[in-house]
Amino acid sequence: MLKLVYPLVSIDMSPESNDPLDFINNNPSGIPPGQQSDLVQLLLYQIIRVKELIKYYDSIPNGAGQLGSSILNELVSEAYTSLVNYDIVLMQKYYDLLLNCD
C-alpha cells in the first residue's frame, strides 16, 4: 500500500480507499446536519447546487435569466479554480458566495 502525505492532504492509494465524492453519490439531499465535513466537500456540494440553479436560469424564456446564468457560471468557474489550486482562502470565499446564491 502506497500512502502519500502532503501538507494538509493525505492520499491513500490502496484499492479500498474511499471515493472523495461518496458523500454526494450516496446522499442526494446533501450533507446531513451535524456531520463533520471539510471545506472541499462543502464547496463541491455548493458547486453542484449552483449548477442546478444555472439550469433553472437558462430555462427562463426569452433569455430573461441569461445575466443570472452568466454570473453564476463565472462563480462556479472561479470556485473550481480555487479547488484546483487548493487555495483555502479563495475556497472559503467562493463557498460563502455560492452558499448565498438562489
PDB file of N, CA and C in Angstrom:
ATOM      1  N   MET A   1       0.844  -1.178   0.000  1.00  0.00           N
ATOM      2  CA  MET A   1       0.000   0.000   0.000  1.00  0.00           C
ATOM      3  C   MET A   1       0.887   1.239   0.000  1.00  0.00           C
ATOM      4  N   LEU A   2       0.623   2.160  -0.895  1.00  0.00           N
ATOM      5  CA  LEU A   2       1.368   3.396  -1.022  1.00  0.00           C
ATOM      6  C   LEU A   2       0.541   4.511  -0.407  1.00  0.00           C
ATOM      7  N   LYS A   3       1.161   5.276   0.473  1.00  0.00           N
ATOM      8  CA  LYS A   3       0.452   6.384   1.085  1.00  0.00           C
ATOM      9  C   LYS A   3       1.296   7.636   0.942  1.00  0.00           C
ATOM     10  N   LEU A   4       0.740   8.650   0.294  1.00  0.00           N
ATOM     11  CA  LEU A   4       1.432   9.915   0.086  1.00  0.00           C
ATOM     12  C   LEU A   4       0.867  10.933   1.059  1.00  0.00           C
ATOM     13  N   VAL A   5       1.735  11.711   1.663  1.00  0.00           N
ATOM     14  CA  VAL A   5       1.281  12.726   2.610  1.00  0.00           C
ATOM     15  C   VAL A   5       1.848  14.068   2.167  1.00  0.00           C
ATOM     16  N   TYR A   6       0.948  15.017   1.941  1.00  0.00           N
ATOM     17  CA  TYR A   6       1.311  16.375   1.590  1.00  0.00           C
ATOM     18  C   TYR A   6       0.817  17.278   2.710  1.00  0.00           C
ATOM     19  N   PRO A   7       1.320  18.501   2.791  1.00  0.00           N
ATOM     20  CA  PRO A   7       0.780  19.405   3.807  1.00  0.00           C
ATOM     21  C   PRO A   7      -0.725  19.575   3.622  1.00  0.00           C
ATOM     22  N   LEU A   8      -1.472  19.331   4.647  1.00  0.00           N
ATOM     23  CA  LEU A   8      -2.927  19.463   4.698  1.00  0.00           C
ATOM     24  C   LEU A   8      -3.669  18.382   3.903  1.00  0.00           C
ATOM     25  N   VAL A   9      -2.955  17.493   3.191  1.00  0.00           N
ATOM     26  CA  VAL A   9      -3.618  16.491   2.370  1.00  0.00           C
ATOM     27  C   VAL A   9      -2.952  15.142   2.586  1.00  0.00           C
ATOM     28  N   SER A  10      -3.740  14.118   2.754  1.00  0.00           N
ATOM     29  CA  SER A  10      -3.214  12.764   2.844  1.00  0.00           C
ATOM     30  C   SER A  10      -3.930  11.933   1.794  1.00  0.00           C
ATOM     31  N   ILE A  11      -3.167  11.274   0.938  1.00  0.00           N
ATOM     32  CA  ILE A  11      -3.745  10.491  -0.146  1.00  0.00           C
ATOM     33  C   ILE A  11      -3.409   9.030   0.081  1.00  0.00           C
ATOM     34  N   ASP A  12      -4.413   8.204   0.209  1.00  0.00           N
ATOM     35  CA  ASP A  12      -4.235   6.776   0.408  1.00  0.00           C
ATOM     36  C   ASP A  12      -4.467   6.091  -0.928  1.00  0.00           C
ATOM     37  N   MET A  13      -3.447   5.424  -1.451  1.00  0.00           N
ATOM     38  CA  MET A  13      -3.512   4.825  -2.777  1.00  0.00           C
ATOM     39  C   MET A  13      -3.941   3.355  -2.736  1.00  0.00           C
ATOM     40  N   SER A  14      -4.427   2.895  -1.609  1.00  0.00           N
ATOM     41  CA  SER A  14      -4.839   1.498  -1.516  1.00  0.00           C
ATOM     42  C   SER A  14      -6.134   1.290  -2.284  1.00  0.00           C
ATOM     43  N   PRO A  15      -6.375   0.055  -2.780  1.00  0.00           N
ATOM     44  CA  PRO A  15      -7.581  -0.187  -3.583  1.00  0.00           C
ATOM     45  C   PRO A  15      -8.874   0.050  -2.821  1.00  0.00           C
ATOM     46  N   GLU A  16      -8.841  -0.088  -1.506  1.00  0.00           N
ATOM     47  CA  GLU A  16     -10.070   0.077  -0.741  1.00  0.00           C
ATOM     48  C   GLU A  16     -10.277   1.502  -0.236  1.00  0.00           C
ATOM     49  N   SER A  17      -9.542   2.481  -0.796  1.00  0.00           N
ATOM     50  CA  SER A  17      -9.690   3.858  -0.348  1.00  0.00           C
ATOM     51  C   SER A  17     -11.086   4.381  -0.708  1.00  0.00           C
ATOM     52  N   ASN A  18     -11.539   5.337   0.057  1.00  0.00           N
ATOM     53  CA  ASN A  18     -12.881   5.895  -0.114  1.00  0.00           C
ATOM     54  C   ASN A  18     -12.940   6.853  -1.286  1.00  0.00           C
ATOM     55  N   ASP A  19     -14.068   6.900  -1.945  1.00  0.00           N
ATOM     56  CA  ASP A  19     -14.307   7.846  -3.024  1.00  0.00           C
ATOM     57  C   ASP A  19     -14.525   9.225  -2.408  1.00  0.00           C
ATOM     58  N   PRO A  20     -13.780  10.262  -2.821  1.00  0.00           N
ATOM     59  CA  PRO A  20     -13.954  11.582  -2.224  1.00  0.00           C
ATOM     60  C   PRO A  20     -15.319  12.202  -2.507  1.00  0.00           C
ATOM     61  N   LEU A  21     -16.006  11.730  -3.543  1.00  0.00           N
ATOM     62  CA  LEU A  21     -17.342  12.250  -3.849  1.00  0.00           C
ATOM     63  C   LEU A  21     -18.446  11.335  -3.339  1.00  0.00           C
ATOM     64  N   ASP A  22     -18.093  10.400  -2.498  1.00  0.00           N
ATOM     65  CA  ASP A  22     -19.055   9.447  -1.968  1.00  0.00           C
ATOM     66  C   ASP A  22     -20.201  10.141  -1.227  1.00  0.00           C
ATOM     67  N   PHE A  23     -19.895  11.246  -0.543  1.00  0.00           N
ATOM     68  CA  PHE A  23     -20.934  11.957   0.189  1.00  0.00           C
ATOM     69  C   PHE A  23     -22.003  12.502  -0.745  1.00  0.00           C
ATOM     70  N   ILE A  24     -21.667  12.764  -1.998  1.00  0.00           N
ATOM     71  CA  ILE A  24     -22.639  13.271  -2.972  1.00  0.00           C
ATOM     72  C   ILE A  24     -23.407  12.108  -3.599  1.00  0.00           C
ATOM     73  N   ASN A  25     -22.675  11.075  -3.998  1.00  0.00           N
ATOM     74  CA  ASN A  25     -23.284   9.945  -4.700  1.00  0.00           C
ATOM     75  C   ASN A  25     -24.272   9.175  -3.838  1.00  0.00           C
ATOM     76  N   ASN A  26     -23.987   9.044  -2.558  1.00  0.00           N
ATOM     77  CA  ASN A  26     -24.834   8.238  -1.688  1.00  0.00           C
ATOM     78  C   ASN A  26     -25.850   9.046  -0.912  1.00  0.00           C
ATOM     79  N   ASN A  27     -25.820  10.350  -1.019  1.00  0.00           N
ATOM     80  CA  ASN A  27     -26.765  11.177  -0.282  1.00  0.00           C
ATOM     81  C   ASN A  27     -27.171  12.370  -1.141  1.00  0.00           C
ATOM     82  N   PRO A  28     -28.139  12.184  -2.042  1.00  0.00           N
ATOM     83  CA  PRO A  28     -28.501  13.265  -2.961  1.00  0.00           C
ATOM     84  C   PRO A  28     -29.081  14.499  -2.276  1.00  0.00           C
ATOM     85  N   SER A  29     -29.518  14.372  -1.040  1.00  0.00           N
ATOM     86  CA  SER A  29     -30.085  15.534  -0.353  1.00  0.00           C
ATOM     87  C   SER A  29     -29.011  16.413   0.251  1.00  0.00           C
ATOM     88  N   GLY A  30     -27.746  16.030   0.114  1.00  0.00           N
ATOM     89  CA  GLY A  30     -26.657  16.853   0.619  1.00  0.00           C
ATOM     90  C   GLY A  30     -26.027  16.262   1.856  1.00  0.00           C
ATOM     91  N   ILE A  31     -25.246  17.068   2.516  1.00  0.00           N
ATOM     92  CA  ILE A  31     -24.551  16.641   3.720  1.00  0.00           C
ATOM     93  C   ILE A  31     -25.491  16.809   4.899  1.00  0.00           C
ATOM     94  N   PRO A  32     -25.734  15.724   5.658  1.00  0.00           N
ATOM     95  CA  PRO A  32     -26.651  15.835   6.787  1.00  0.00           C
ATOM     96  C   PRO A  32     -26.135  16.821   7.826  1.00  0.00           C
ATOM     97  N   PRO A  33     -27.035  17.549   8.479  1.00  0.00           N
ATOM     98  CA  PRO A  33     -26.613  18.491   9.511  1.00  0.00           C
ATOM     99  C   PRO A  33     -25.893  17.749  10.637  1.00  0.00           C
ATOM    100  N   GLY A  34     -24.863  18.374  11.148  1.00  0.00           N
ATOM    101  CA  GLY A  34     -24.127  17.781  12.252  1.00  0.00           C
ATOM    102  C   GLY A  34     -22.998  16.869  11.814  1.00  0.00           C
ATOM    103  N   GLN A  35     -22.981  16.444  10.560  1.00  0.00           N
ATOM    104  CA  GLN A  35     -21.907  15.583  10.087  1.00  0.00           C
ATOM    105  C   GLN A  35     -20.693  16.448   9.774  1.00  0.00           C
ATOM    106  N   GLN A  36     -19.544  16.012  10.261  1.00  0.00           N
ATOM    107  CA  GLN A  36     -18.325  16.775  10.019  1.00  0.00           C
ATOM    108  C   GLN A  36     -17.888  16.563   8.578  1.00  0.00           C
ATOM    109  N   SER A  37     -17.550  17.631   7.911  1.00  0.00           N
ATOM    110  CA  SER A  37     -17.065  17.555   6.538  1.00  0.00           C
ATOM    111  C   SER A  37     -16.025  18.643   6.356  1.00  0.00           C
ATOM    112  N   ASP A  38     -15.222  18.508   5.334  1.00  0.00           N
ATOM    113  CA  ASP A  38     -14.194  19.507   5.108  1.00  0.00           C
ATOM    114  C   ASP A  38     -14.649  20.530   4.077  1.00  0.00           C
ATOM    115  N   LEU A  39     -13.855  21.557   3.922  1.00  0.00           N
ATOM    116  CA  LEU A  39     -14.204  22.663   3.035  1.00  0.00           C
ATOM    117  C   LEU A  39     -14.327  22.207   1.589  1.00  0.00           C
ATOM    118  N   VAL A  40     -13.490  21.265   1.170  1.00  0.00           N
ATOM    119  CA  VAL A  40     -13.548  20.772  -0.204  1.00  0.00           C
ATOM    120  C   VAL A  40     -14.908  20.126  -0.475  1.00  0.00           C
ATOM    121  N   GLN A  41     -15.371  19.281   0.438  1.00  0.00           N
ATOM    122  CA  GLN A  41     -16.674  18.635   0.261  1.00  0.00           C
ATOM    123  C   GLN A  41     -17.795  19.663   0.244  1.00  0.00           C
ATOM    124  N   LEU A  42     -17.739  20.605   1.161  1.00  0.00           N
ATOM    125  CA  LEU A  42     -18.789  21.626   1.227  1.00  0.00           C
ATOM    126  C   LEU A  42     -18.814  22.466  -0.046  1.00  0.00           C
ATOM    127  N   LEU A  43     -17.642  22.830  -0.543  1.00  0.00           N
ATOM    128  CA  LEU A  43     -17.584  23.634  -1.768  1.00  0.00           C
ATOM    129  C   LEU A  43     -18.078  22.843  -2.970  1.00  0.00           C
ATOM    130  N   LEU A  44     -17.706  21.567  -3.063  1.00  0.00           N
ATOM    131  CA  LEU A  44     -18.202  20.731  -4.162  1.00  0.00           C
ATOM    132  C   LEU A  44     -19.723  20.628  -4.124  1.00  0.00           C
ATOM    133  N   TYR A  45     -20.282  20.462  -2.947  1.00  0.00           N
ATOM    134  CA  TYR A  45     -21.738  20.379  -2.826  1.00  0.00           C
ATOM    135  C   TYR A  45     -22.391  21.681  -3.295  1.00  0.00           C
ATOM    136  N   GLN A  46     -21.817  22.825  -2.910  1.00  0.00           N
ATOM    137  CA  GLN A  46     -22.383  24.109  -3.330  1.00  0.00           C
ATOM    138  C   GLN A  46     -22.249  24.314  -4.842  1.00  0.00           C
ATOM    139  N   ILE A  47     -21.141  23.857  -5.417  1.00  0.00           N
ATOM    140  CA  ILE A  47     -20.969  23.964  -6.868  1.00  0.00           C
ATOM    141  C   ILE A  47     -22.047  23.170  -7.582  1.00  0.00           C
ATOM    142  N   ILE A  48     -22.314  21.969  -7.109  1.00  0.00           N
ATOM    143  CA  ILE A  48     -23.357  21.134  -7.722  1.00  0.00           C
ATOM    144  C   ILE A  48     -24.725  21.789  -7.574  1.00  0.00           C
ATOM    145  N   ARG A  49     -24.996  22.350  -6.394  1.00  0.00           N
ATOM    146  CA  ARG A  49     -26.281  23.012  -6.151  1.00  0.00           C
ATOM    147  C   ARG A  49     -26.452  24.218  -7.079  1.00  0.00           C
ATOM    148  N   VAL A  50     -25.411  25.010  -7.236  1.00  0.00           N
ATOM    149  CA  VAL A  50     -25.498  26.211  -8.073  1.00  0.00           C
ATOM    150  C   VAL A  50     -25.600  25.834  -9.549  1.00  0.00           C
ATOM    151  N   LYS A  51     -24.965  24.727  -9.942  1.00  0.00           N
ATOM    152  CA  LYS A  51     -25.107  24.289 -11.336  1.00  0.00           C
ATOM    153  C   LYS A  51     -26.563  23.927 -11.646  1.00  0.00           C
ATOM    154  N   GLU A  52     -27.292  23.428 -10.665  1.00  0.00           N
ATOM    155  CA  GLU A  52     -28.729  23.193 -10.844  1.00  0.00           C
ATOM    156  C   GLU A  52     -29.474  24.522 -10.992  1.00  0.00           C
ATOM    157  N   LEU A  53     -29.061  25.538 -10.239  1.00  0.00           N
ATOM    158  CA  LEU A  53     -29.662  26.870 -10.387  1.00  0.00           C
ATOM    159  C   LEU A  53     -29.398  27.443 -11.780  1.00  0.00           C
ATOM    160  N   ILE A  54     -28.206  27.191 -12.309  1.00  0.00           N
ATOM    161  CA  ILE A  54     -27.860  27.682 -13.646  1.00  0.00           C
ATOM    162  C   ILE A  54     -28.814  27.080 -14.677  1.00  0.00           C
ATOM    163  N   LYS A  55     -29.128  25.795 -14.524  1.00  0.00           N
ATOM    164  CA  LYS A  55     -30.089  25.159 -15.439  1.00  0.00           C
ATOM    165  C   LYS A  55     -31.444  25.851 -15.350  1.00  0.00           C
ATOM    166  N   TYR A  56     -31.841  26.224 -14.118  1.00  0.00           N
ATOM    167  CA  TYR A  56     -33.118  26.924 -13.939  1.00  0.00           C
ATOM    168  C   TYR A  56     -33.084  28.274 -14.649  1.00  0.00           C
ATOM    169  N   TYR A  57     -32.017  29.057 -14.429  1.00  0.00           N
ATOM    170  CA  TYR A  57     -31.908  30.371 -15.073  1.00  0.00           C
ATOM    171  C   TYR A  57     -31.870  30.247 -16.589  1.00  0.00           C
ATOM    172  N   ASP A  58     -31.192  29.219 -17.101  1.00  0.00           N
ATOM    173  CA  ASP A  58     -31.136  29.014 -18.549  1.00  0.00           C
ATOM    174  C   ASP A  58     -32.500  28.673 -19.138  1.00  0.00           C
ATOM    175  N   SER A  59     -33.385  28.083 -18.328  1.00  0.00           N
ATOM    176  CA  SER A  59     -34.695  27.669 -18.830  1.00  0.00           C
ATOM    177  C   SER A  59     -35.725  28.797 -18.844  1.00  0.00           C
ATOM    178  N   ILE A  60     -35.392  29.942 -18.283  1.00  0.00           N
ATOM    179  CA  ILE A  60     -36.334  31.071 -18.280  1.00  0.00           C
ATOM    180  C   ILE A  60     -36.493  31.572 -19.713  1.00  0.00           C
ATOM    181  N   PRO A  61     -37.736  31.717 -20.187  1.00  0.00           N
ATOM    182  CA  PRO A  61     -37.969  32.097 -21.592  1.00  0.00           C
ATOM    183  C   PRO A  61     -37.444  33.489 -21.942  1.00  0.00           C
ATOM    184  N   ASN A  62     -37.214  33.677 -23.221  1.00  0.00           N
ATOM    185  CA  ASN A  62     -36.794  34.952 -23.812  1.00  0.00           C
ATOM    186  C   ASN A  62     -35.459  35.468 -23.275  1.00  0.00           C
ATOM    187  N   GLY A  63     -34.618  34.586 -22.779  1.00  0.00           N
ATOM    188  CA  GLY A  63     -33.299  34.980 -22.296  1.00  0.00           C
ATOM    189  C   GLY A  63     -33.308  35.821 -21.039  1.00  0.00           C
ATOM    190  N   ALA A  64     -34.428  35.807 -20.316  1.00  0.00           N
ATOM    191  CA  ALA A  64     -34.548  36.646 -19.127  1.00  0.00           C
ATOM    192  C   ALA A  64     -33.599  36.224 -18.009  1.00  0.00           C
ATOM    193  N   GLY A  65     -33.163  34.978 -18.007  1.00  0.00           N
ATOM    194  CA  GLY A  65     -32.260  34.513 -16.966  1.00  0.00           C
ATOM    195  C   GLY A  65     -30.809  34.470 -17.394  1.00  0.00           C
ATOM    196  N   GLN A  66     -30.514  35.034 -18.555  1.00  0.00           N
ATOM    197  CA  GLN A  66     -29.171  34.948 -19.114  1.00  0.00           C
ATOM    198  C   GLN A  66     -28.124  35.654 -18.248  1.00  0.00           C
ATOM    199  N   LEU A  67     -28.439  36.808 -17.705  1.00  0.00           N
ATOM    200  CA  LEU A  67     -27.494  37.527 -16.859  1.00  0.00           C
ATOM    201  C   LEU A  67     -27.195  36.733 -15.593  1.00  0.00           C
ATOM    202  N   GLY A  68     -28.244  36.250 -14.927  1.00  0.00           N
ATOM    203  CA  GLY A  68     -28.050  35.449 -13.721  1.00  0.00           C
ATOM    204  C   GLY A  68     -27.243  34.203 -14.004  1.00  0.00           C
ATOM    205  N   SER A  69     -27.541  33.555 -15.121  1.00  0.00           N
ATOM    206  CA  SER A  69     -26.829  32.346 -15.512  1.00  0.00           C
ATOM    207  C   SER A  69     -25.347  32.621 -15.744  1.00  0.00           C
ATOM    208  N   SER A  70     -25.032  33.713 -16.413  1.00  0.00           N
ATOM    209  CA  SER A  70     -23.621  34.013 -16.707  1.00  0.00           C
ATOM    210  C   SER A  70     -22.856  34.379 -15.436  1.00  0.00           C
ATOM    211  N   ILE A  71     -23.504  35.084 -14.510  1.00  0.00           N
ATOM    212  CA  ILE A  71     -22.856  35.420 -13.235  1.00  0.00           C
ATOM    213  C   ILE A  71     -22.573  34.152 -12.444  1.00  0.00           C
ATOM    214  N   LEU A  72     -23.562  33.261 -12.373  1.00  0.00           N
ATOM    215  CA  LEU A  72     -23.373  32.014 -11.631  1.00  0.00           C
ATOM    216  C   LEU A  72     -22.329  31.125 -12.295  1.00  0.00           C
ATOM    217  N   ASN A  73     -22.300  31.097 -13.631  1.00  0.00           N
ATOM    218  CA  ASN A  73     -21.271  30.329 -14.336  1.00  0.00           C
ATOM    219  C   ASN A  73     -19.870  30.835 -13.988  1.00  0.00           C
ATOM    220  N   GLU A  74     -19.723  32.139 -13.910  1.00  0.00           N
ATOM    221  CA  GLU A  74     -18.418  32.715 -13.547  1.00  0.00           C
ATOM    222  C   GLU A  74     -18.025  32.342 -12.120  1.00  0.00           C
ATOM    223  N   LEU A  75     -18.984  32.391 -11.198  1.00  0.00           N
ATOM    224  CA  LEU A  75     -18.697  31.995  -9.813  1.00  0.00           C
ATOM    225  C   LEU A  75     -18.286  30.533  -9.729  1.00  0.00           C
ATOM    226  N   VAL A  76     -18.989  29.667 -10.445  1.00  0.00           N
ATOM    227  CA  VAL A  76     -18.661  28.237 -10.436  1.00  0.00           C
ATOM    228  C   VAL A  76     -17.277  28.008 -11.027  1.00  0.00           C
ATOM    229  N   SER A  77     -16.965  28.702 -12.101  1.00  0.00           N
ATOM    230  CA  SER A  77     -15.648  28.573 -12.730  1.00  0.00           C
ATOM    231  C   SER A  77     -14.533  28.988 -11.768  1.00  0.00           C
ATOM    232  N   GLU A  78     -14.719  30.096 -11.092  1.00  0.00           N
ATOM    233  CA  GLU A  78     -13.717  30.561 -10.134  1.00  0.00           C
ATOM    234  C   GLU A  78     -13.621  29.623  -8.928  1.00  0.00           C
ATOM    235  N   ALA A  79     -14.743  29.059  -8.509  1.00  0.00           N
ATOM    236  CA  ALA A  79     -14.723  28.100  -7.395  1.00  0.00           C
ATOM    237  C   ALA A  79     -13.941  26.850  -7.780  1.00  0.00           C
ATOM    238  N   TYR A  80     -14.137  26.363  -9.006  1.00  0.00           N
ATOM    239  CA  TYR A  80     -13.353  25.218  -9.498  1.00  0.00           C
ATOM    240  C   TYR A  80     -11.863  25.545  -9.492  1.00  0.00           C
ATOM    241  N   THR A  81     -11.515  26.741  -9.932  1.00  0.00           N
ATOM    242  CA  THR A  81     -10.113  27.151  -9.969  1.00  0.00           C
ATOM    243  C   THR A  81      -9.516  27.158  -8.560  1.00  0.00           C
ATOM    244  N   SER A  82     -10.281  27.631  -7.589  1.00  0.00           N
ATOM    245  CA  SER A  82      -9.775  27.629  -6.213  1.00  0.00           C
ATOM    246  C   SER A  82      -9.559  26.213  -5.706  1.00  0.00           C
ATOM    247  N   LEU A  83     -10.407  25.268  -6.142  1.00  0.00           N
ATOM    248  CA  LEU A  83     -10.217  23.871  -5.760  1.00  0.00           C
ATOM    249  C   LEU A  83      -8.971  23.289  -6.404  1.00  0.00           C
ATOM    250  N   VAL A  84      -8.792  23.547  -7.691  1.00  0.00           N
ATOM    251  CA  VAL A  84      -7.639  23.009  -8.411  1.00  0.00           C
ATOM    252  C   VAL A  84      -6.340  23.536  -7.807  1.00  0.00           C
ATOM    253  N   ASN A  85      -6.320  24.806  -7.443  1.00  0.00           N
ATOM    254  CA  ASN A  85      -5.120  25.416  -6.873  1.00  0.00           C
ATOM    255  C   ASN A  85      -4.993  25.168  -5.372  1.00  0.00           C
ATOM    256  N   TYR A  86      -5.996  24.556  -4.789  1.00  0.00           N
ATOM    257  CA  TYR A  86      -6.069  24.295  -3.343  1.00  0.00           C
ATOM    258  C   TYR A  86      -5.774  25.560  -2.543  1.00  0.00           C
ATOM    259  N   ASP A  87      -6.399  26.649  -2.974  1.00  0.00           N
ATOM    260  CA  ASP A  87      -6.269  27.941  -2.307  1.00  0.00           C
ATOM    261  C   ASP A  87      -7.393  28.041  -1.272  1.00  0.00           C
ATOM    262  N   ILE A  88      -7.046  27.806  -0.024  1.00  0.00           N
ATOM    263  CA  ILE A  88      -8.052  27.700   1.033  1.00  0.00           C
ATOM    264  C   ILE A  88      -8.785  29.021   1.248  1.00  0.00           C
ATOM    265  N   VAL A  89      -8.074  30.128   1.117  1.00  0.00           N
ATOM    266  CA  VAL A  89      -8.712  31.431   1.306  1.00  0.00           C
ATOM    267  C   VAL A  89      -9.779  31.650   0.232  1.00  0.00           C
ATOM    268  N   LEU A  90      -9.434  31.377  -1.027  1.00  0.00           N
ATOM    269  CA  LEU A  90     -10.417  31.531  -2.105  1.00  0.00           C
ATOM    270  C   LEU A  90     -11.523  30.485  -2.010  1.00  0.00           C
ATOM    271  N   MET A  91     -11.182  29.272  -1.576  1.00  0.00           N
ATOM    272  CA  MET A  91     -12.211  28.243  -1.412  1.00  0.00           C
ATOM    273  C   MET A  91     -13.261  28.713  -0.414  1.00  0.00           C
ATOM    274  N   GLN A  92     -12.827  29.300   0.707  1.00  0.00           N
ATOM    275  CA  GLN A  92     -13.770  29.813   1.712  1.00  0.00           C
ATOM    276  C   GLN A  92     -14.597  30.954   1.130  1.00  0.00           C
ATOM    277  N   LYS A  93     -13.953  31.836   0.371  1.00  0.00           N
ATOM    278  CA  LYS A  93     -14.655  32.965  -0.247  1.00  0.00           C
ATOM    279  C   LYS A  93     -15.751  32.476  -1.183  1.00  0.00           C
ATOM    280  N   TYR A  94     -15.407  31.531  -2.073  1.00  0.00           N
ATOM    281  CA  TYR A  94     -16.398  31.054  -3.029  1.00  0.00           C
ATOM    282  C   TYR A  94     -17.447  30.164  -2.386  1.00  0.00           C
ATOM    283  N   TYR A  95     -17.087  29.472  -1.324  1.00  0.00           N
ATOM    284  CA  TYR A  95     -18.100  28.710  -0.584  1.00  0.00           C
ATOM    285  C   TYR A  95     -19.149  29.665  -0.034  1.00  0.00           C
ATOM    286  N   ASP A  96     -18.693  30.751   0.592  1.00  0.00           N
ATOM    287  CA  ASP A  96     -19.629  31.741   1.149  1.00  0.00           C
ATOM    288  C   ASP A  96     -20.481  32.380   0.054  1.00  0.00           C
ATOM    289  N   LEU A  97     -19.856  32.699  -1.083  1.00  0.00           N
ATOM    290  CA  LEU A  97     -20.619  33.306  -2.181  1.00  0.00           C
ATOM    291  C   LEU A  97     -21.652  32.326  -2.755  1.00  0.00           C
ATOM    292  N   LEU A  98     -21.240  31.093  -2.995  1.00  0.00           N
ATOM    293  CA  LEU A  98     -22.164  30.109  -3.569  1.00  0.00           C
ATOM    294  C   LEU A  98     -23.268  29.737  -2.591  1.00  0.00           C
ATOM    295  N   LEU A  99     -22.953  29.758  -1.316  1.00  0.00           N
ATOM    296  CA  LEU A  99     -23.939  29.423  -0.283  1.00  0.00           C
ATOM    297  C   LEU A  99     -25.129  30.382  -0.342  1.00  0.00           C
ATOM    298  N   ASN A 100     -24.872  31.644  -0.716  1.00  0.00           N
ATOM    299  CA  ASN A 100     -25.927  32.654  -0.739  1.00  0.00           C
ATOM    300  C   ASN A 100     -26.585  32.822  -2.096  1.00  0.00           C
ATOM    301  N   CYS A 101     -26.246  31.965  -3.050  1.00  0.00           N
ATOM    302  CA  CYS A 101     -26.879  32.039  -4.379  1.00  0.00           C
ATOM    303  C   CYS A 101     -28.244  31.363  -4.345  1.00  0.00           C
ATOM    304  N   ASP A 102     -29.196  32.009  -4.952  1.00  0.00           N
ATOM    305  CA  ASP A 102     -30.532  31.405  -5.105  1.00  0.00           C
ATOM    306  C   ASP A 102     -31.235  31.975  -6.308  1.00  0.00           C
TER     307      ASP A 102
END
